Amino acid sequence: MTDIKLDETVFSLSRLLMTVLWPSFLTAAISVGILFSLIDPEVLSIHGNVELSDVVIYSIAFFVFWVLGAITSGLTALLMCKCRTQQAVTICRTTPKS
């Protein structure tokens, strides 16, 4: 039997994507539910007399909320990575070398 080793970069990238995309997906689902429980999609007018079905409006709103959630989660992940990198550099500089 051979042991299969996962590449660390692929594993960390997939983990980062799931860390960003899963919370944004949940946020989008909740946001669309709240938005369309308050607003009927039939009363929305988009550029005049463009007729869109309810499903299309739900889908567009869901993907807009998902993208916005992914941007905010991605920025949070980016700031956390920078923070960890700065902490690691600070720790390395302050640790006495033997």
PDB file of N, CA and C in Angstrom:
ATOM      1  N   MET A   1       0.836  -1.177   0.000  1.00  0.00           N
ATOM      2  CA  MET A   1       0.000   0.000   0.000  1.00  0.00           C
ATOM      3  C   MET A   1       0.887   1.248   0.000  1.00  0.00           C
ATOM      4  N   THR A   2       0.492   2.200  -0.786  1.00  0.00           N
ATOM      5  CA  THR A   2       1.234   3.458  -0.827  1.00  0.00           C
ATOM      6  C   THR A   2       0.420   4.533  -0.143  1.00  0.00           C
ATOM      7  N   ASP A   3       1.117   5.386   0.548  1.00  0.00           N
ATOM      8  CA  ASP A   3       0.457   6.517   1.201  1.00  0.00           C
ATOM      9  C   ASP A   3       0.378   7.673   0.220  1.00  0.00           C
ATOM     10  N   ILE A   4      -0.799   8.224   0.092  1.00  0.00           N
ATOM     11  CA  ILE A   4      -0.986   9.369  -0.793  1.00  0.00           C
ATOM     12  C   ILE A   4      -0.903  10.626   0.064  1.00  0.00           C
ATOM     13  N   LYS A   5       0.022  11.509  -0.309  1.00  0.00           N
ATOM     14  CA  LYS A   5       0.189  12.764   0.418  1.00  0.00           C
ATOM     15  C   LYS A   5      -0.474  13.880  -0.360  1.00  0.00           C
ATOM     16  N   LEU A   6      -1.311  14.620   0.310  1.00  0.00           N
ATOM     17  CA  LEU A   6      -1.936  15.771  -0.325  1.00  0.00           C
ATOM     18  C   LEU A   6      -0.958  16.925  -0.339  1.00  0.00           C
ATOM     19  N   ASP A   7      -0.968  17.642  -1.425  1.00  0.00           N
ATOM     20  CA  ASP A   7      -0.124  18.826  -1.507  1.00  0.00           C
ATOM     21  C   ASP A   7      -0.663  19.869  -0.529  1.00  0.00           C
ATOM     22  N   GLU A   8       0.215  20.423   0.261  1.00  0.00           N
ATOM     23  CA  GLU A   8      -0.205  21.380   1.292  1.00  0.00           C
ATOM     24  C   GLU A   8      -0.852  22.624   0.695  1.00  0.00           C
ATOM     25  N   THR A   9      -0.368  23.081  -0.464  1.00  0.00           N
ATOM     26  CA  THR A   9      -0.941  24.295  -1.036  1.00  0.00           C
ATOM     27  C   THR A   9      -2.357  24.050  -1.535  1.00  0.00           C
ATOM     28  N   VAL A  10      -2.610  22.890  -2.125  1.00  0.00           N
ATOM     29  CA  VAL A  10      -3.963  22.564  -2.589  1.00  0.00           C
ATOM     30  C   VAL A  10      -4.893  22.431  -1.396  1.00  0.00           C
ATOM     31  N   PHE A  11      -4.422  21.770  -0.349  1.00  0.00           N
ATOM     32  CA  PHE A  11      -5.241  21.596   0.845  1.00  0.00           C
ATOM     33  C   PHE A  11      -5.547  22.936   1.496  1.00  0.00           C
ATOM     34  N   SER A  12      -4.550  23.798   1.626  1.00  0.00           N
ATOM     35  CA  SER A  12      -4.784  25.087   2.274  1.00  0.00           C
ATOM     36  C   SER A  12      -5.650  25.995   1.403  1.00  0.00           C
ATOM     37  N   LEU A  13      -5.504  25.904   0.068  1.00  0.00           N
ATOM     38  CA  LEU A  13      -6.339  26.717  -0.812  1.00  0.00           C
ATOM     39  C   LEU A  13      -7.795  26.269  -0.742  1.00  0.00           C
ATOM     40  N   SER A  14      -8.029  24.965  -0.761  1.00  0.00           N
ATOM     41  CA  SER A  14      -9.408  24.480  -0.678  1.00  0.00           C
ATOM     42  C   SER A  14     -10.024  24.805   0.680  1.00  0.00           C
ATOM     43  N   ARG A  15      -9.209  24.752   1.710  1.00  0.00           N
ATOM     44  CA  ARG A  15      -9.704  25.107   3.043  1.00  0.00           C
ATOM     45  C   ARG A  15     -10.055  26.592   3.112  1.00  0.00           C
ATOM     46  N   LEU A  16      -9.210  27.423   2.505  1.00  0.00           N
ATOM     47  CA  LEU A  16      -9.472  28.857   2.477  1.00  0.00           C
ATOM     48  C   LEU A  16     -10.750  29.165   1.692  1.00  0.00           C
ATOM     49  N   LEU A  17     -10.923  28.496   0.547  1.00  0.00           N
ATOM     50  CA  LEU A  17     -12.137  28.716  -0.243  1.00  0.00           C
ATOM     51  C   LEU A  17     -13.381  28.310   0.534  1.00  0.00           C
ATOM     52  N   MET A  18     -13.336  27.194   1.221  1.00  0.00           N
ATOM     53  CA  MET A  18     -14.499  26.774   2.005  1.00  0.00           C
ATOM     54  C   MET A  18     -14.735  27.709   3.189  1.00  0.00           C
ATOM     55  N   THR A  19     -13.660  28.219   3.765  1.00  0.00           N
ATOM     56  CA  THR A  19     -13.791  29.167   4.870  1.00  0.00           C
ATOM     57  C   THR A  19     -14.447  30.455   4.401  1.00  0.00           C
ATOM     58  N   VAL A  20     -14.218  30.838   3.165  1.00  0.00           N
ATOM     59  CA  VAL A  20     -14.796  32.067   2.633  1.00  0.00           C
ATOM     60  C   VAL A  20     -16.184  31.824   2.046  1.00  0.00           C
ATOM     61  N   LEU A  21     -16.337  30.770   1.250  1.00  0.00           N
ATOM     62  CA  LEU A  21     -17.580  30.584   0.497  1.00  0.00           C
ATOM     63  C   LEU A  21     -18.738  30.027   1.317  1.00  0.00           C
ATOM     64  N   TRP A  22     -18.458  29.166   2.282  1.00  0.00           N
ATOM     65  CA  TRP A  22     -19.564  28.577   3.055  1.00  0.00           C
ATOM     66  C   TRP A  22     -20.296  29.615   3.903  1.00  0.00           C
ATOM     67  N   PRO A  23     -19.609  30.447   4.692  1.00  0.00           N
ATOM     68  CA  PRO A  23     -20.350  31.467   5.456  1.00  0.00           C
ATOM     69  C   PRO A  23     -21.074  32.463   4.552  1.00  0.00           C
ATOM     70  N   SER A  24     -20.463  32.798   3.418  1.00  0.00           N
ATOM     71  CA  SER A  24     -21.133  33.738   2.519  1.00  0.00           C
ATOM     72  C   SER A  24     -22.369  33.105   1.883  1.00  0.00           C
ATOM     73  N   PHE A  25     -22.333  31.797   1.629  1.00  0.00           N
ATOM     74  CA  PHE A  25     -23.507  31.090   1.116  1.00  0.00           C
ATOM     75  C   PHE A  25     -24.642  31.124   2.139  1.00  0.00           C
ATOM     76  N   LEU A  26     -24.312  30.833   3.389  1.00  0.00           N
ATOM     77  CA  LEU A  26     -25.331  30.857   4.438  1.00  0.00           C
ATOM     78  C   LEU A  26     -25.899  32.259   4.633  1.00  0.00           C
ATOM     79  N   THR A  27     -25.020  33.251   4.587  1.00  0.00           N
ATOM     80  CA  THR A  27     -25.463  34.638   4.722  1.00  0.00           C
ATOM     81  C   THR A  27     -26.387  35.029   3.578  1.00  0.00           C
ATOM     82  N   ALA A  28     -26.054  34.603   2.365  1.00  0.00           N
ATOM     83  CA  ALA A  28     -26.894  34.915   1.206  1.00  0.00           C
ATOM     84  C   ALA A  28     -28.270  34.260   1.336  1.00  0.00           C
ATOM     85  N   ALA A  29     -28.299  33.014   1.775  1.00  0.00           N
ATOM     86  CA  ALA A  29     -29.585  32.321   1.923  1.00  0.00           C
ATOM     87  C   ALA A  29     -30.463  33.017   2.952  1.00  0.00           C
ATOM     88  N   ILE A  30     -29.878  33.392   4.077  1.00  0.00           N
ATOM     89  CA  ILE A  30     -30.649  34.078   5.119  1.00  0.00           C
ATOM     90  C   ILE A  30     -31.083  35.461   4.647  1.00  0.00           C
ATOM     91  N   SER A  31     -30.186  36.181   3.967  1.00  0.00           N
ATOM     92  CA  SER A  31     -30.502  37.536   3.495  1.00  0.00           C
ATOM     93  C   SER A  31     -31.636  37.528   2.480  1.00  0.00           C
ATOM     94  N   VAL A  32     -31.594  36.575   1.543  1.00  0.00           N
ATOM     95  CA  VAL A  32     -32.664  36.491   0.548  1.00  0.00           C
ATOM     96  C   VAL A  32     -33.986  36.139   1.226  1.00  0.00           C
ATOM     97  N   GLY A  33     -33.932  35.248   2.198  1.00  0.00           N
ATOM     98  CA  GLY A  33     -35.151  34.896   2.922  1.00  0.00           C
ATOM     99  C   GLY A  33     -35.753  36.083   3.645  1.00  0.00           C
ATOM    100  N   ILE A  34     -34.914  36.862   4.292  1.00  0.00           N
ATOM    101  CA  ILE A  34     -35.409  38.049   5.003  1.00  0.00           C
ATOM    102  C   ILE A  34     -35.904  39.102   4.028  1.00  0.00           C
ATOM    103  N   LEU A  35     -35.120  39.353   2.958  1.00  0.00           N
ATOM    104  CA  LEU A  35     -35.497  40.385   1.995  1.00  0.00           C
ATOM    105  C   LEU A  35     -36.851  40.086   1.351  1.00  0.00           C
ATOM    106  N   PHE A  36     -37.030  38.852   0.882  1.00  0.00           N
ATOM    107  CA  PHE A  36     -38.259  38.551   0.166  1.00  0.00           C
ATOM    108  C   PHE A  36     -39.409  38.149   1.083  1.00  0.00           C
ATOM    109  N   SER A  37     -39.165  38.085   2.374  1.00  0.00           N
ATOM    110  CA  SER A  37     -40.297  37.986   3.287  1.00  0.00           C
ATOM    111  C   SER A  37     -40.874  39.381   3.561  1.00  0.00           C
ATOM    112  N   LEU A  38     -40.066  40.417   3.303  1.00  0.00           N
ATOM    113  CA  LEU A  38     -40.519  41.797   3.492  1.00  0.00           C
ATOM    114  C   LEU A  38     -40.983  42.446   2.186  1.00  0.00           C
ATOM    115  N   ILE A  39     -40.387  42.047   1.063  1.00  0.00           N
ATOM    116  CA  ILE A  39     -40.671  42.674  -0.229  1.00  0.00           C
ATOM    117  C   ILE A  39     -41.134  41.610  -1.213  1.00  0.00           C
ATOM    118  N   ASP A  40     -42.207  41.894  -1.906  1.00  0.00           N
ATOM    119  CA  ASP A  40     -42.703  40.988  -2.942  1.00  0.00           C
ATOM    120  C   ASP A  40     -41.904  41.246  -4.227  1.00  0.00           C
ATOM    121  N   PRO A  41     -41.309  40.219  -4.836  1.00  0.00           N
ATOM    122  CA  PRO A  41     -40.507  40.462  -6.038  1.00  0.00           C
ATOM    123  C   PRO A  41     -41.314  40.981  -7.228  1.00  0.00           C
ATOM    124  N   GLU A  42     -42.611  40.795  -7.219  1.00  0.00           N
ATOM    125  CA  GLU A  42     -43.434  41.291  -8.326  1.00  0.00           C
ATOM    126  C   GLU A  42     -43.559  42.812  -8.329  1.00  0.00           C
ATOM    127  N   VAL A  43     -43.365  43.446  -7.180  1.00  0.00           N
ATOM    128  CA  VAL A  43     -43.493  44.904  -7.134  1.00  0.00           C
ATOM    129  C   VAL A  43     -42.182  45.607  -7.484  1.00  0.00           C
ATOM    130  N   LEU A  44     -41.103  44.851  -7.625  1.00  0.00           N
ATOM    131  CA  LEU A  44     -39.833  45.451  -8.016  1.00  0.00           C
ATOM    132  C   LEU A  44     -39.850  45.781  -9.499  1.00  0.00           C
ATOM    133  N   SER A  45     -39.405  46.961  -9.849  1.00  0.00           N
ATOM    134  CA  SER A  45     -39.298  47.328 -11.265  1.00  0.00           C
ATOM    135  C   SER A  45     -37.817  47.519 -11.593  1.00  0.00           C
ATOM    136  N   ILE A  46     -37.399  46.833 -12.631  1.00  0.00           N
ATOM    137  CA  ILE A  46     -36.001  46.904 -13.035  1.00  0.00           C
ATOM    138  C   ILE A  46     -35.947  47.555 -14.402  1.00  0.00           C
ATOM    139  N   HIS A  47     -35.418  48.752 -14.479  1.00  0.00           N
ATOM    140  CA  HIS A  47     -35.273  49.513 -15.730  1.00  0.00           C
ATOM    141  C   HIS A  47     -36.582  49.571 -16.516  1.00  0.00           C
ATOM    142  N   GLY A  48     -37.600  50.000 -15.865  1.00  0.00           N
ATOM    143  CA  GLY A  48     -38.862  50.201 -16.566  1.00  0.00           C
ATOM    144  C   GLY A  48     -39.749  48.979 -16.619  1.00  0.00           C
ATOM    145  N   ASN A  49     -40.044  48.518 -17.818  1.00  0.00           N
ATOM    146  CA  ASN A  49     -41.025  47.453 -17.995  1.00  0.00           C
ATOM    147  C   ASN A  49     -40.403  46.096 -18.289  1.00  0.00           C
ATOM    148  N   VAL A  50     -39.246  45.803 -17.779  1.00  0.00           N
ATOM    149  CA  VAL A  50     -38.637  44.493 -17.987  1.00  0.00           C
ATOM    150  C   VAL A  50     -39.342  43.493 -17.084  1.00  0.00           C
ATOM    151  N   GLU A  51     -39.898  42.454 -17.692  1.00  0.00           N
ATOM    152  CA  GLU A  51     -40.632  41.443 -16.934  1.00  0.00           C
ATOM    153  C   GLU A  51     -39.707  40.280 -16.590  1.00  0.00           C
ATOM    154  N   LEU A  52     -39.481  40.061 -15.333  1.00  0.00           N
ATOM    155  CA  LEU A  52     -38.678  38.934 -14.871  1.00  0.00           C
ATOM    156  C   LEU A  52     -39.525  38.072 -13.949  1.00  0.00           C
ATOM    157  N   SER A  53     -39.332  36.772 -14.042  1.00  0.00           N
ATOM    158  CA  SER A  53     -40.096  35.886 -13.166  1.00  0.00           C
ATOM    159  C   SER A  53     -39.548  35.970 -11.743  1.00  0.00           C
ATOM    160  N   ASP A  54     -40.338  35.492 -10.818  1.00  0.00           N
ATOM    161  CA  ASP A  54     -39.923  35.518  -9.416  1.00  0.00           C
ATOM    162  C   ASP A  54     -38.649  34.711  -9.192  1.00  0.00           C
ATOM    163  N   VAL A  55     -38.527  33.583  -9.857  1.00  0.00           N
ATOM    164  CA  VAL A  55     -37.350  32.725  -9.678  1.00  0.00           C
ATOM    165  C   VAL A  55     -36.088  33.441 -10.144  1.00  0.00           C
ATOM    166  N   VAL A  56     -36.173  34.177 -11.240  1.00  0.00           N
ATOM    167  CA  VAL A  56     -35.020  34.925 -11.741  1.00  0.00           C
ATOM    168  C   VAL A  56     -34.623  36.007 -10.746  1.00  0.00           C
ATOM    169  N   ILE A  57     -35.593  36.695 -10.202  1.00  0.00           N
ATOM    170  CA  ILE A  57     -35.303  37.751  -9.221  1.00  0.00           C
ATOM    171  C   ILE A  57     -34.697  37.154  -7.955  1.00  0.00           C
ATOM    172  N   TYR A  58     -35.241  36.024  -7.497  1.00  0.00           N
ATOM    173  CA  TYR A  58     -34.666  35.341  -6.334  1.00  0.00           C
ATOM    174  C   TYR A  58     -33.221  34.932  -6.610  1.00  0.00           C
ATOM    175  N   SER A  59     -32.969  34.398  -7.791  1.00  0.00           N
ATOM    176  CA  SER A  59     -31.625  33.932  -8.141  1.00  0.00           C
ATOM    177  C   SER A  59     -30.628  35.078  -8.219  1.00  0.00           C
ATOM    178  N   ILE A  60     -31.035  36.170  -8.869  1.00  0.00           N
ATOM    179  CA  ILE A  60     -30.146  37.333  -8.973  1.00  0.00           C
ATOM    180  C   ILE A  60     -29.823  37.877  -7.587  1.00  0.00           C
ATOM    181  N   ALA A  61     -30.837  38.018  -6.758  1.00  0.00           N
ATOM    182  CA  ALA A  61     -30.613  38.535  -5.404  1.00  0.00           C
ATOM    183  C   ALA A  61     -29.709  37.598  -4.606  1.00  0.00           C
ATOM    184  N   PHE A  62     -29.929  36.286  -4.739  1.00  0.00           N
ATOM    185  CA  PHE A  62     -29.101  35.330  -4.013  1.00  0.00           C
ATOM    186  C   PHE A  62     -27.640  35.458  -4.412  1.00  0.00           C
ATOM    187  N   PHE A  63     -27.365  35.527  -5.725  1.00  0.00           N
ATOM    188  CA  PHE A  63     -25.979  35.614  -6.165  1.00  0.00           C
ATOM    189  C   PHE A  63     -25.349  36.955  -5.819  1.00  0.00           C
ATOM    190  N   VAL A  64     -26.126  38.025  -5.830  1.00  0.00           N
ATOM    191  CA  VAL A  64     -25.591  39.324  -5.398  1.00  0.00           C
ATOM    192  C   VAL A  64     -25.202  39.268  -3.924  1.00  0.00           C
ATOM    193  N   PHE A  65     -26.089  38.727  -3.085  1.00  0.00           N
ATOM    194  CA  PHE A  65     -25.764  38.601  -1.663  1.00  0.00           C
ATOM    195  C   PHE A  65     -24.590  37.648  -1.444  1.00  0.00           C
ATOM    196  N   TRP A  66     -24.500  36.590  -2.250  1.00  0.00           N
ATOM    197  CA  TRP A  66     -23.396  35.636  -2.100  1.00  0.00           C
ATOM    198  C   TRP A  66     -22.067  36.298  -2.452  1.00  0.00           C
ATOM    199  N   VAL A  67     -22.044  37.081  -3.521  1.00  0.00           N
ATOM    200  CA  VAL A  67     -20.812  37.771  -3.908  1.00  0.00           C
ATOM    201  C   VAL A  67     -20.414  38.784  -2.835  1.00  0.00           C
ATOM    202  N   LEU A  68     -21.385  39.542  -2.330  1.00  0.00           N
ATOM    203  CA  LEU A  68     -21.066  40.508  -1.274  1.00  0.00           C
ATOM    204  C   LEU A  68     -20.541  39.809  -0.016  1.00  0.00           C
ATOM    205  N   GLY A  69     -21.166  38.690   0.342  1.00  0.00           N
ATOM    206  CA  GLY A  69     -20.695  37.932   1.493  1.00  0.00           C
ATOM    207  C   GLY A  69     -19.314  37.345   1.265  1.00  0.00           C
ATOM    208  N   ALA A  70     -19.040  36.876   0.038  1.00  0.00           N
ATOM    209  CA  ALA A  70     -17.722  36.324  -0.275  1.00  0.00           C
ATOM    210  C   ALA A  70     -16.644  37.401  -0.222  1.00  0.00           C
ATOM    211  N   ILE A  71     -16.991  38.607  -0.668  1.00  0.00           N
ATOM    212  CA  ILE A  71     -16.020  39.710  -0.599  1.00  0.00           C
ATOM    213  C   ILE A  71     -15.690  40.034   0.849  1.00  0.00           C
ATOM    214  N   THR A  72     -16.709  40.134   1.692  1.00  0.00           N
ATOM    215  CA  THR A  72     -16.431  40.463   3.090  1.00  0.00           C
ATOM    216  C   THR A  72     -15.696  39.329   3.802  1.00  0.00           C
ATOM    217  N   SER A  73     -16.067  38.088   3.530  1.00  0.00           N
ATOM    218  CA  SER A  73     -15.365  36.958   4.149  1.00  0.00           C
ATOM    219  C   SER A  73     -13.936  36.858   3.633  1.00  0.00           C
ATOM    220  N   GLY A  74     -13.753  37.138   2.345  1.00  0.00           N
ATOM    221  CA  GLY A  74     -12.410  37.112   1.770  1.00  0.00           C
ATOM    222  C   GLY A  74     -11.513  38.186   2.361  1.00  0.00           C
ATOM    223  N   LEU A  75     -12.080  39.372   2.565  1.00  0.00           N
ATOM    224  CA  LEU A  75     -11.287  40.435   3.196  1.00  0.00           C
ATOM    225  C   LEU A  75     -10.925  40.083   4.636  1.00  0.00           C
ATOM    226  N   THR A  76     -11.853  39.463   5.330  1.00  0.00           N
ATOM    227  CA  THR A  76     -11.555  39.022   6.694  1.00  0.00           C
ATOM    228  C   THR A  76     -10.448  37.976   6.697  1.00  0.00           C
ATOM    229  N   ALA A  77     -10.524  37.011   5.779  1.00  0.00           N
ATOM    230  CA  ALA A  77      -9.481  35.986   5.687  1.00  0.00           C
ATOM    231  C   ALA A  77      -8.140  36.607   5.322  1.00  0.00           C
ATOM    232  N   LEU A  78      -8.153  37.593   4.425  1.00  0.00           N
ATOM    233  CA  LEU A  78      -6.917  38.267   4.045  1.00  0.00           C
ATOM    234  C   LEU A  78      -6.299  38.993   5.228  1.00  0.00           C
ATOM    235  N   LEU A  79      -7.138  39.682   5.993  1.00  0.00           N
ATOM    236  CA  LEU A  79      -6.621  40.393   7.160  1.00  0.00           C
ATOM    237  C   LEU A  79      -6.097  39.422   8.212  1.00  0.00           C
ATOM    238  N   MET A  80      -6.747  38.287   8.370  1.00  0.00           N
ATOM    239  CA  MET A  80      -6.274  37.286   9.331  1.00  0.00           C
ATOM    240  C   MET A  80      -4.930  36.704   8.894  1.00  0.00           C
ATOM    241  N   CYS A  81      -4.762  36.461   7.601  1.00  0.00           N
ATOM    242  CA  CYS A  81      -3.484  35.938   7.106  1.00  0.00           C
ATOM    243  C   CYS A  81      -2.373  36.945   7.320  1.00  0.00           C
ATOM    244  N   LYS A  82      -2.646  38.221   7.040  1.00  0.00           N
ATOM    245  CA  LYS A  82      -1.632  39.246   7.243  1.00  0.00           C
ATOM    246  C   LYS A  82      -1.292  39.371   8.714  1.00  0.00           C
ATOM    247  N   CYS A  83      -2.318  39.266   9.571  1.00  0.00           N
ATOM    248  CA  CYS A  83      -2.091  39.366  11.008  1.00  0.00           C
ATOM    249  C   CYS A  83      -1.218  38.211  11.480  1.00  0.00           C
ATOM    250  N   ARG A  84      -1.514  37.007  11.030  1.00  0.00           N
ATOM    251  CA  ARG A  84      -0.716  35.849  11.424  1.00  0.00           C
ATOM    252  C   ARG A  84       0.711  35.969  10.921  1.00  0.00           C
ATOM    253  N   THR A  85       0.879  36.483   9.698  1.00  0.00           N
ATOM    254  CA  THR A  85       2.216  36.640   9.146  1.00  0.00           C
ATOM    255  C   THR A  85       2.998  37.660   9.966  1.00  0.00           C
ATOM    256  N   GLN A  86       2.364  38.769  10.328  1.00  0.00           N
ATOM    257  CA  GLN A  86       3.043  39.785  11.124  1.00  0.00           C
ATOM    258  C   GLN A  86       3.375  39.253  12.508  1.00  0.00           C
ATOM    259  N   GLN A  87       2.480  38.464  13.107  1.00  0.00           N
ATOM    260  CA  GLN A  87       2.772  37.886  14.413  1.00  0.00           C
ATOM    261  C   GLN A  87       3.928  36.908  14.326  1.00  0.00           C
ATOM    262  N   ALA A  88       3.965  36.122  13.261  1.00  0.00           N
ATOM    263  CA  ALA A  88       5.057  35.158  13.098  1.00  0.00           C
ATOM    264  C   ALA A  88       6.383  35.881  12.933  1.00  0.00           C
ATOM    265  N   VAL A  89       6.393  36.976  12.167  1.00  0.00           N
ATOM    266  CA  VAL A  89       7.623  37.743  11.991  1.00  0.00           C
ATOM    267  C   VAL A  89       8.045  38.358  13.314  1.00  0.00           C
ATOM    268  N   THR A  90       7.085  38.897  14.070  1.00  0.00           N
ATOM    269  CA  THR A  90       7.401  39.504  15.366  1.00  0.00           C
ATOM    270  C   THR A  90       7.946  38.453  16.328  1.00  0.00           C
ATOM    271  N   ILE A  91       7.333  37.293  16.356  1.00  0.00           N
ATOM    272  CA  ILE A  91       7.808  36.230  17.245  1.00  0.00           C
ATOM    273  C   ILE A  91       9.200  35.776  16.839  1.00  0.00           C
ATOM    274  N   CYS A  92       9.433  35.649  15.543  1.00  0.00           N
ATOM    275  CA  CYS A  92      10.752  35.229  15.072  1.00  0.00           C
ATOM    276  C   CYS A  92      11.821  36.261  15.411  1.00  0.00           C
ATOM    277  N   ARG A  93      11.479  37.522  15.359  1.00  0.00           N
ATOM    278  CA  ARG A  93      12.462  38.569  15.664  1.00  0.00           C
ATOM    279  C   ARG A  93      12.768  38.639  17.151  1.00  0.00           C
ATOM    280  N   THR A  94      11.774  38.360  17.979  1.00  0.00           N
ATOM    281  CA  THR A  94      11.989  38.489  19.424  1.00  0.00           C
ATOM    282  C   THR A  94      12.541  37.213  20.054  1.00  0.00           C
ATOM    283  N   THR A  95      12.439  36.086  19.343  1.00  0.00           N
ATOM    284  CA  THR A  95      12.941  34.833  19.899  1.00  0.00           C
ATOM    285  C   THR A  95      14.464  34.817  19.801  1.00  0.00           C
ATOM    286  N   PRO A  96      15.139  34.610  20.919  1.00  0.00           N
ATOM    287  CA  PRO A  96      16.603  34.561  20.868  1.00  0.00           C
ATOM    288  C   PRO A  96      17.066  33.299  20.147  1.00  0.00           C
ATOM    289  N   LYS A  97      18.063  33.468  19.300  1.00  0.00           N
ATOM    290  CA  LYS A  97      18.593  32.329  18.566  1.00  0.00           C
ATOM    291  C   LYS A  97      19.699  31.685  19.396  1.00  0.00           C
ATOM    292  N   SER A  98      19.684  30.340  19.453  1.00  0.00           N
ATOM    293  CA  SER A  98      20.718  29.674  20.237  1.00  0.00           C
ATOM    294  C   SER A  98      21.783  29.083  19.367  1.00  0.00           C
TER     295      SER A  98
END
